Amino acid sequence: GLEFGEGTRDGLAREFIEETGITVTVGAHLYTTD
């Protein structure tokens, strides 16, 4: 989940560090639930 004030890419990068301990580069948008 996103935290208040966070963009989607920054939130995803943070989640990867929290969950896996690694840094990622967020690339192409793939899909948003519709």
PDB file of all heavy atoms in Angstrom:
ATOM      1  N   GLY A   1       0.789  -1.218   0.000  1.00  0.00           N
ATOM      2  CA  GLY A   1       0.000   0.000   0.000  1.00  0.00           C
ATOM      3  C   GLY A   1       0.823   1.270   0.000  1.00  0.00           C
ATOM      4  O   GLY A   1       1.900   1.326   0.584  1.00  0.00           O
ATOM      5  N   LEU A   2       0.281   2.285  -0.667  1.00  0.00           N
ATOM      6  CA  LEU A   2       0.904   3.603  -0.665  1.00  0.00           C
ATOM      7  C   LEU A   2       0.702   4.258   0.686  1.00  0.00           C
ATOM      8  O   LEU A   2      -0.320   4.064   1.341  1.00  0.00           O
ATOM      9  CB  LEU A   2       0.269   4.503  -1.726  1.00  0.00           C
ATOM     10  CG  LEU A   2       0.607   4.247  -3.169  1.00  0.00           C
ATOM     11  CD1 LEU A   2      -0.014   5.337  -4.040  1.00  0.00           C
ATOM     12  CD2 LEU A   2       2.097   4.193  -3.388  1.00  0.00           C
ATOM     13  N   GLU A   3       1.672   5.053   1.074  1.00  0.00           N
ATOM     14  CA  GLU A   3       1.539   5.895   2.251  1.00  0.00           C
ATOM     15  C   GLU A   3       1.109   7.277   1.779  1.00  0.00           C
ATOM     16  O   GLU A   3       1.386   7.677   0.643  1.00  0.00           O
ATOM     17  CB  GLU A   3       2.866   5.957   3.000  1.00  0.00           C
ATOM     18  CG  GLU A   3       3.253   4.608   3.568  1.00  0.00           C
ATOM     19  CD  GLU A   3       4.576   4.610   4.304  1.00  0.00           C
ATOM     20  OE1 GLU A   3       5.241   5.676   4.359  1.00  0.00           O
ATOM     21  OE2 GLU A   3       4.957   3.551   4.819  1.00  0.00           O
ATOM     22  N   PHE A   4       0.425   8.004   2.645  1.00  0.00           N
ATOM     23  CA  PHE A   4      -0.078   9.321   2.284  1.00  0.00           C
ATOM     24  C   PHE A   4       1.072  10.215   1.828  1.00  0.00           C
ATOM     25  O   PHE A   4       2.119  10.282   2.471  1.00  0.00           O
ATOM     26  CB  PHE A   4      -0.808   9.966   3.461  1.00  0.00           C
ATOM     27  CG  PHE A   4      -1.434  11.282   3.110  1.00  0.00           C
ATOM     28  CD1 PHE A   4      -2.610  11.319   2.392  1.00  0.00           C
ATOM     29  CD2 PHE A   4      -0.827  12.466   3.472  1.00  0.00           C
ATOM     30  CE1 PHE A   4      -3.191  12.530   2.047  1.00  0.00           C
ATOM     31  CE2 PHE A   4      -1.391  13.689   3.132  1.00  0.00           C
ATOM     32  CZ  PHE A   4      -2.573  13.720   2.417  1.00  0.00           C
ATOM     33  N   GLY A   5       0.895  10.895   0.705  1.00  0.00           N
ATOM     34  CA  GLY A   5       1.894  11.806   0.166  1.00  0.00           C
ATOM     35  C   GLY A   5       2.899  11.161  -0.766  1.00  0.00           C
ATOM     36  O   GLY A   5       3.779  11.842  -1.296  1.00  0.00           O
ATOM     37  N   GLU A   6       2.786   9.859  -0.987  1.00  0.00           N
ATOM     38  CA  GLU A   6       3.741   9.117  -1.802  1.00  0.00           C
ATOM     39  C   GLU A   6       3.211   8.935  -3.222  1.00  0.00           C
ATOM     40  O   GLU A   6       2.017   8.691  -3.409  1.00  0.00           O
ATOM     41  CB  GLU A   6       3.884   7.722  -1.168  1.00  0.00           C
ATOM     42  CG  GLU A   6       5.208   7.136  -1.161  1.00  0.00           C
ATOM     43  CD  GLU A   6       5.273   5.870  -0.318  1.00  0.00           C
ATOM     44  OE1 GLU A   6       4.267   5.163  -0.121  1.00  0.00           O
ATOM     45  OE2 GLU A   6       6.386   5.590   0.134  1.00  0.00           O
ATOM     46  N   GLY A   7       4.089   9.020  -4.201  1.00  0.00           N
ATOM     47  CA  GLY A   7       3.743   8.660  -5.565  1.00  0.00           C
ATOM     48  C   GLY A   7       3.826   7.149  -5.730  1.00  0.00           C
ATOM     49  O   GLY A   7       4.443   6.450  -4.919  1.00  0.00           O
ATOM     50  N   THR A   8       3.237   6.634  -6.789  1.00  0.00           N
ATOM     51  CA  THR A   8       3.198   5.185  -6.971  1.00  0.00           C
ATOM     52  C   THR A   8       4.587   4.583  -7.153  1.00  0.00           C
ATOM     53  O   THR A   8       4.885   3.521  -6.607  1.00  0.00           O
ATOM     54  CB  THR A   8       2.298   4.800  -8.159  1.00  0.00           C
ATOM     55  OG1 THR A   8       2.758   5.460  -9.346  1.00  0.00           O
ATOM     56  CG2 THR A   8       0.849   5.169  -7.891  1.00  0.00           C
ATOM     57  N   ARG A   9       5.441   5.226  -7.901  1.00  0.00           N
ATOM     58  CA  ARG A   9       6.792   4.692  -8.149  1.00  0.00           C
ATOM     59  C   ARG A   9       7.639   4.735  -6.877  1.00  0.00           C
ATOM     60  O   ARG A   9       8.345   3.777  -6.563  1.00  0.00           O
ATOM     61  CB  ARG A   9       7.468   5.449  -9.284  1.00  0.00           C
ATOM     62  CG  ARG A   9       6.812   5.185 -10.626  1.00  0.00           C
ATOM     63  CD  ARG A   9       7.350   6.097 -11.730  1.00  0.00           C
ATOM     64  NE  ARG A   9       6.703   5.793 -12.975  1.00  0.00           N
ATOM     65  CZ  ARG A   9       7.104   4.868 -13.833  1.00  0.00           C
ATOM     66  NH1 ARG A   9       8.189   4.147 -13.586  1.00  0.00           N
ATOM     67  NH2 ARG A   9       6.439   4.646 -14.951  1.00  0.00           N
ATOM     68  N   ASP A  10       7.576   5.851  -6.149  1.00  0.00           N
ATOM     69  CA  ASP A  10       8.322   5.939  -4.895  1.00  0.00           C
ATOM     70  C   ASP A  10       7.814   4.913  -3.886  1.00  0.00           C
ATOM     71  O   ASP A  10       8.597   4.296  -3.156  1.00  0.00           O
ATOM     72  CB  ASP A  10       8.214   7.345  -4.297  1.00  0.00           C
ATOM     73  CG  ASP A  10       8.969   8.385  -5.101  1.00  0.00           C
ATOM     74  OD1 ASP A  10       9.891   8.015  -5.861  1.00  0.00           O
ATOM     75  OD2 ASP A  10       8.632   9.578  -4.972  1.00  0.00           O
ATOM     76  N   GLY A  11       6.519   4.748  -3.828  1.00  0.00           N
ATOM     77  CA  GLY A  11       5.938   3.765  -2.910  1.00  0.00           C
ATOM     78  C   GLY A  11       6.383   2.355  -3.234  1.00  0.00           C
ATOM     79  O   GLY A  11       6.688   1.562  -2.337  1.00  0.00           O
ATOM     80  N   LEU A  12       6.433   2.026  -4.513  1.00  0.00           N
ATOM     81  CA  LEU A  12       6.863   0.686  -4.910  1.00  0.00           C
ATOM     82  C   LEU A  12       8.334   0.468  -4.573  1.00  0.00           C
ATOM     83  O   LEU A  12       8.713  -0.590  -4.055  1.00  0.00           O
ATOM     84  CB  LEU A  12       6.606   0.452  -6.397  1.00  0.00           C
ATOM     85  CG  LEU A  12       6.982  -0.923  -6.919  1.00  0.00           C
ATOM     86  CD1 LEU A  12       6.312  -2.049  -6.134  1.00  0.00           C
ATOM     87  CD2 LEU A  12       6.640  -1.028  -8.407  1.00  0.00           C
ATOM     88  N   ALA A  13       9.170   1.459  -4.827  1.00  0.00           N
ATOM     89  CA  ALA A  13      10.593   1.335  -4.483  1.00  0.00           C
ATOM     90  C   ALA A  13      10.760   1.127  -2.979  1.00  0.00           C
ATOM     91  O   ALA A  13      11.559   0.297  -2.536  1.00  0.00           O
ATOM     92  CB  ALA A  13      11.358   2.566  -4.957  1.00  0.00           C
ATOM     93  N   ARG A  14      10.000   1.876  -2.166  1.00  0.00           N
ATOM     94  CA  ARG A  14      10.047   1.712  -0.708  1.00  0.00           C
ATOM     95  C   ARG A  14       9.598   0.313  -0.299  1.00  0.00           C
ATOM     96  O   ARG A  14      10.233  -0.343   0.530  1.00  0.00           O
ATOM     97  CB  ARG A  14       9.160   2.765  -0.021  1.00  0.00           C
ATOM     98  CG  ARG A  14       9.072   2.571   1.497  1.00  0.00           C
ATOM     99  CD  ARG A  14       8.016   3.451   2.140  1.00  0.00           C
ATOM    100  NE  ARG A  14       6.722   3.407   1.515  1.00  0.00           N
ATOM    101  CZ  ARG A  14       5.822   2.424   1.666  1.00  0.00           C
ATOM    102  NH1 ARG A  14       6.097   1.367   2.407  1.00  0.00           N
ATOM    103  NH2 ARG A  14       4.656   2.480   1.054  1.00  0.00           N
ATOM    104  N   GLU A  15       8.507  -0.161  -0.873  1.00  0.00           N
ATOM    105  CA  GLU A  15       7.998  -1.496  -0.535  1.00  0.00           C
ATOM    106  C   GLU A  15       9.031  -2.576  -0.852  1.00  0.00           C
ATOM    107  O   GLU A  15       9.185  -3.531  -0.089  1.00  0.00           O
ATOM    108  CB  GLU A  15       6.685  -1.773  -1.275  1.00  0.00           C
ATOM    109  CG  GLU A  15       5.490  -1.076  -0.691  1.00  0.00           C
ATOM    110  CD  GLU A  15       5.001  -1.686   0.618  1.00  0.00           C
ATOM    111  OE1 GLU A  15       5.380  -2.826   0.936  1.00  0.00           O
ATOM    112  OE2 GLU A  15       4.242  -1.005   1.323  1.00  0.00           O
ATOM    113  N   PHE A  16       9.736  -2.444  -1.974  1.00  0.00           N
ATOM    114  CA  PHE A  16      10.759  -3.442  -2.314  1.00  0.00           C
ATOM    115  C   PHE A  16      11.878  -3.458  -1.279  1.00  0.00           C
ATOM    116  O   PHE A  16      12.341  -4.529  -0.872  1.00  0.00           O
ATOM    117  CB  PHE A  16      11.317  -3.225  -3.723  1.00  0.00           C
ATOM    118  CG  PHE A  16      10.774  -4.204  -4.710  1.00  0.00           C
ATOM    119  CD1 PHE A  16       9.580  -3.948  -5.358  1.00  0.00           C
ATOM    120  CD2 PHE A  16      11.430  -5.395  -4.975  1.00  0.00           C
ATOM    121  CE1 PHE A  16       9.053  -4.857  -6.269  1.00  0.00           C
ATOM    122  CE2 PHE A  16      10.910  -6.310  -5.879  1.00  0.00           C
ATOM    123  CZ  PHE A  16       9.721  -6.044  -6.527  1.00  0.00           C
ATOM    124  N   ILE A  17      12.304  -2.288  -0.841  1.00  0.00           N
ATOM    125  CA  ILE A  17      13.348  -2.249   0.184  1.00  0.00           C
ATOM    126  C   ILE A  17      12.833  -2.883   1.471  1.00  0.00           C
ATOM    127  O   ILE A  17      13.521  -3.706   2.093  1.00  0.00           O
ATOM    128  CB  ILE A  17      13.815  -0.797   0.437  1.00  0.00           C
ATOM    129  CG1 ILE A  17      14.596  -0.287  -0.776  1.00  0.00           C
ATOM    130  CG2 ILE A  17      14.672  -0.713   1.699  1.00  0.00           C
ATOM    131  CD1 ILE A  17      14.900   1.197  -0.739  1.00  0.00           C
ATOM    132  N   GLU A  18      11.616  -2.543   1.884  1.00  0.00           N
ATOM    133  CA  GLU A  18      11.056  -3.093   3.116  1.00  0.00           C
ATOM    134  C   GLU A  18      10.889  -4.605   3.046  1.00  0.00           C
ATOM    135  O   GLU A  18      11.186  -5.312   4.009  1.00  0.00           O
ATOM    136  CB  GLU A  18       9.703  -2.447   3.421  1.00  0.00           C
ATOM    137  CG  GLU A  18       9.789  -1.014   3.877  1.00  0.00           C
ATOM    138  CD  GLU A  18       8.424  -0.385   4.110  1.00  0.00           C
ATOM    139  OE1 GLU A  18       7.384  -1.070   3.983  1.00  0.00           O
ATOM    140  OE2 GLU A  18       8.393   0.826   4.412  1.00  0.00           O
ATOM    141  N   GLU A  19      10.397  -5.113   1.926  1.00  0.00           N
ATOM    142  CA  GLU A  19      10.081  -6.535   1.829  1.00  0.00           C
ATOM    143  C   GLU A  19      11.287  -7.404   1.471  1.00  0.00           C
ATOM    144  O   GLU A  19      11.419  -8.508   1.974  1.00  0.00           O
ATOM    145  CB  GLU A  19       8.965  -6.772   0.802  1.00  0.00           C
ATOM    146  CG  GLU A  19       7.631  -6.240   1.253  1.00  0.00           C
ATOM    147  CD  GLU A  19       6.505  -6.585   0.299  1.00  0.00           C
ATOM    148  OE1 GLU A  19       6.694  -7.435  -0.605  1.00  0.00           O
ATOM    149  OE2 GLU A  19       5.421  -6.002   0.453  1.00  0.00           O
ATOM    150  N   THR A  20      12.135  -6.909   0.577  1.00  0.00           N
ATOM    151  CA  THR A  20      13.214  -7.761   0.057  1.00  0.00           C
ATOM    152  C   THR A  20      14.605  -7.316   0.473  1.00  0.00           C
ATOM    153  O   THR A  20      15.550  -8.087   0.376  1.00  0.00           O
ATOM    154  CB  THR A  20      13.186  -7.799  -1.490  1.00  0.00           C
ATOM    155  OG1 THR A  20      13.534  -6.502  -1.994  1.00  0.00           O
ATOM    156  CG2 THR A  20      11.824  -8.224  -2.015  1.00  0.00           C
ATOM    157  N   GLY A  21      14.739  -6.058   0.865  1.00  0.00           N
ATOM    158  CA  GLY A  21      16.046  -5.525   1.207  1.00  0.00           C
ATOM    159  C   GLY A  21      16.852  -5.046   0.015  1.00  0.00           C
ATOM    160  O   GLY A  21      18.000  -4.647   0.163  1.00  0.00           O
ATOM    161  N   ILE A  22      16.259  -5.050  -1.174  1.00  0.00           N
ATOM    162  CA  ILE A  22      16.993  -4.607  -2.369  1.00  0.00           C
ATOM    163  C   ILE A  22      16.377  -3.335  -2.929  1.00  0.00           C
ATOM    164  O   ILE A  22      15.199  -3.051  -2.717  1.00  0.00           O
ATOM    165  CB  ILE A  22      17.054  -5.692  -3.474  1.00  0.00           C
ATOM    166  CG1 ILE A  22      15.673  -5.935  -4.101  1.00  0.00           C
ATOM    167  CG2 ILE A  22      17.665  -6.983  -2.941  1.00  0.00           C
ATOM    168  CD1 ILE A  22      15.712  -6.740  -5.386  1.00  0.00           C
ATOM    169  N   THR A  23      17.208  -2.594  -3.665  1.00  0.00           N
ATOM    170  CA  THR A  23      16.708  -1.416  -4.359  1.00  0.00           C
ATOM    171  C   THR A  23      16.335  -1.811  -5.784  1.00  0.00           C
ATOM    172  O   THR A  23      16.974  -2.690  -6.385  1.00  0.00           O
ATOM    173  CB  THR A  23      17.754  -0.286  -4.396  1.00  0.00           C
ATOM    174  OG1 THR A  23      18.935  -0.779  -5.014  1.00  0.00           O
ATOM    175  CG2 THR A  23      18.067   0.207  -2.999  1.00  0.00           C
ATOM    176  N   VAL A  24      15.290  -1.179  -6.274  1.00  0.00           N
ATOM    177  CA  VAL A  24      14.834  -1.443  -7.636  1.00  0.00           C
ATOM    178  C   VAL A  24      14.685  -0.129  -8.382  1.00  0.00           C
ATOM    179  O   VAL A  24      14.503   0.929  -7.780  1.00  0.00           O
ATOM    180  CB  VAL A  24      13.483  -2.203  -7.676  1.00  0.00           C
ATOM    181  CG1 VAL A  24      13.614  -3.587  -7.078  1.00  0.00           C
ATOM    182  CG2 VAL A  24      12.369  -1.411  -7.010  1.00  0.00           C
ATOM    183  N   THR A  25      14.763  -0.232  -9.689  1.00  0.00           N
ATOM    184  CA  THR A  25      14.394   0.854 -10.587  1.00  0.00           C
ATOM    185  C   THR A  25      13.019   0.506 -11.122  1.00  0.00           C
ATOM    186  O   THR A  25      12.821  -0.587 -11.675  1.00  0.00           O
ATOM    187  CB  THR A  25      15.404   0.977 -11.744  1.00  0.00           C
ATOM    188  OG1 THR A  25      16.696   1.209 -11.194  1.00  0.00           O
ATOM    189  CG2 THR A  25      15.024   2.100 -12.680  1.00  0.00           C
ATOM    190  N   VAL A  26      12.084   1.408 -10.931  1.00  0.00           N
ATOM    191  CA  VAL A  26      10.723   1.159 -11.393  1.00  0.00           C
ATOM    192  C   VAL A  26      10.652   1.541 -12.861  1.00  0.00           C
ATOM    193  O   VAL A  26      10.949   2.667 -13.236  1.00  0.00           O
ATOM    194  CB  VAL A  26       9.698   1.936 -10.557  1.00  0.00           C
ATOM    195  CG1 VAL A  26       8.284   1.678 -11.061  1.00  0.00           C
ATOM    196  CG2 VAL A  26       9.824   1.562  -9.075  1.00  0.00           C
ATOM    197  N   GLY A  27      10.262   0.576 -13.694  1.00  0.00           N
ATOM    198  CA  GLY A  27      10.201   0.778 -15.131  1.00  0.00           C
ATOM    199  C   GLY A  27       8.794   1.053 -15.617  1.00  0.00           C
ATOM    200  O   GLY A  27       8.042   1.813 -15.005  1.00  0.00           O
ATOM    201  N   ALA A  28       8.440   0.393 -16.681  1.00  0.00           N
ATOM    202  CA  ALA A  28       7.186   0.658 -17.386  1.00  0.00           C
ATOM    203  C   ALA A  28       5.960   0.258 -16.558  1.00  0.00           C
ATOM    204  O   ALA A  28       5.960  -0.760 -15.869  1.00  0.00           O
ATOM    205  CB  ALA A  28       7.162  -0.098 -18.706  1.00  0.00           C
ATOM    206  N   HIS A  29       4.929   1.084 -16.673  1.00  0.00           N
ATOM    207  CA  HIS A  29       3.627   0.735 -16.111  1.00  0.00           C
ATOM    208  C   HIS A  29       3.077  -0.430 -16.927  1.00  0.00           C
ATOM    209  O   HIS A  29       3.098  -0.409 -18.165  1.00  0.00           O
ATOM    210  CB  HIS A  29       2.685   1.937 -16.192  1.00  0.00           C
ATOM    211  CG  HIS A  29       1.275   1.603 -15.845  1.00  0.00           C
ATOM    212  ND1 HIS A  29       0.314   1.399 -16.799  1.00  0.00           N
ATOM    213  CD2 HIS A  29       0.677   1.429 -14.651  1.00  0.00           C
ATOM    214  CE1 HIS A  29      -0.836   1.111 -16.200  1.00  0.00           C
ATOM    215  NE2 HIS A  29      -0.642   1.124 -14.888  1.00  0.00           N
ATOM    216  N   LEU A  30       2.595  -1.454 -16.252  1.00  0.00           N
ATOM    217  CA  LEU A  30       2.100  -2.638 -16.942  1.00  0.00           C
ATOM    218  C   LEU A  30       0.576  -2.713 -16.943  1.00  0.00           C
ATOM    219  O   LEU A  30      -0.036  -2.978 -17.969  1.00  0.00           O
ATOM    220  CB  LEU A  30       2.692  -3.899 -16.291  1.00  0.00           C
ATOM    221  CG  LEU A  30       2.438  -5.207 -16.981  1.00  0.00           C
ATOM    222  CD1 LEU A  30       3.076  -5.223 -18.366  1.00  0.00           C
ATOM    223  CD2 LEU A  30       2.983  -6.355 -16.148  1.00  0.00           C
ATOM    224  N   TYR A  31      -0.037  -2.442 -15.778  1.00  0.00           N
ATOM    225  CA  TYR A  31      -1.481  -2.654 -15.687  1.00  0.00           C
ATOM    226  C   TYR A  31      -2.023  -1.965 -14.438  1.00  0.00           C
ATOM    227  O   TYR A  31      -1.350  -1.919 -13.407  1.00  0.00           O
ATOM    228  CB  TYR A  31      -1.777  -4.154 -15.614  1.00  0.00           C
ATOM    229  CG  TYR A  31      -3.231  -4.508 -15.441  1.00  0.00           C
ATOM    230  CD1 TYR A  31      -4.123  -4.393 -16.501  1.00  0.00           C
ATOM    231  CD2 TYR A  31      -3.717  -4.955 -14.222  1.00  0.00           C
ATOM    232  CE1 TYR A  31      -5.454  -4.723 -16.344  1.00  0.00           C
ATOM    233  CE2 TYR A  31      -5.054  -5.292 -14.054  1.00  0.00           C
ATOM    234  CZ  TYR A  31      -5.919  -5.171 -15.119  1.00  0.00           C
ATOM    235  OH  TYR A  31      -7.238  -5.487 -14.967  1.00  0.00           O
ATOM    236  N   THR A  32      -3.233  -1.450 -14.532  1.00  0.00           N
ATOM    237  CA  THR A  32      -3.984  -0.958 -13.382  1.00  0.00           C
ATOM    238  C   THR A  32      -5.332  -1.654 -13.392  1.00  0.00           C
ATOM    239  O   THR A  32      -5.976  -1.745 -14.449  1.00  0.00           O
ATOM    240  CB  THR A  32      -4.191   0.573 -13.457  1.00  0.00           C
ATOM    241  OG1 THR A  32      -2.899   1.199 -13.467  1.00  0.00           O
ATOM    242  CG2 THR A  32      -5.003   1.083 -12.285  1.00  0.00           C
ATOM    243  N   THR A  33      -5.754  -2.157 -12.243  1.00  0.00           N
ATOM    244  CA  THR A  33      -7.042  -2.847 -12.200  1.00  0.00           C
ATOM    245  C   THR A  33      -8.136  -1.901 -12.685  1.00  0.00           C
ATOM    246  O   THR A  33      -8.152  -0.716 -12.340  1.00  0.00           O
ATOM    247  CB  THR A  33      -7.378  -3.354 -10.780  1.00  0.00           C
ATOM    248  OG1 THR A  33      -7.250  -2.279  -9.851  1.00  0.00           O
ATOM    249  CG2 THR A  33      -6.494  -4.504 -10.370  1.00  0.00           C
ATOM    250  N   ASP A  34      -9.032  -2.465 -13.479  1.00  0.00           N
ATOM    251  CA  ASP A  34     -10.123  -1.666 -14.029  1.00  0.00           C
ATOM    252  C   ASP A  34     -11.473  -2.294 -13.688  1.00  0.00           C
ATOM    253  O   ASP A  34     -12.438  -2.180 -14.420  1.00  0.00           O
ATOM    254  CB  ASP A  34      -9.964  -1.479 -15.538  1.00  0.00           C
ATOM    255  CG  ASP A  34      -9.896  -2.798 -16.291  1.00  0.00           C
ATOM    256  OD1 ASP A  34      -9.953  -3.870 -15.650  1.00  0.00           O
ATOM    257  OD2 ASP A  34      -9.790  -2.766 -17.529  1.00  0.00           O
TER     258      ASP A  34
END
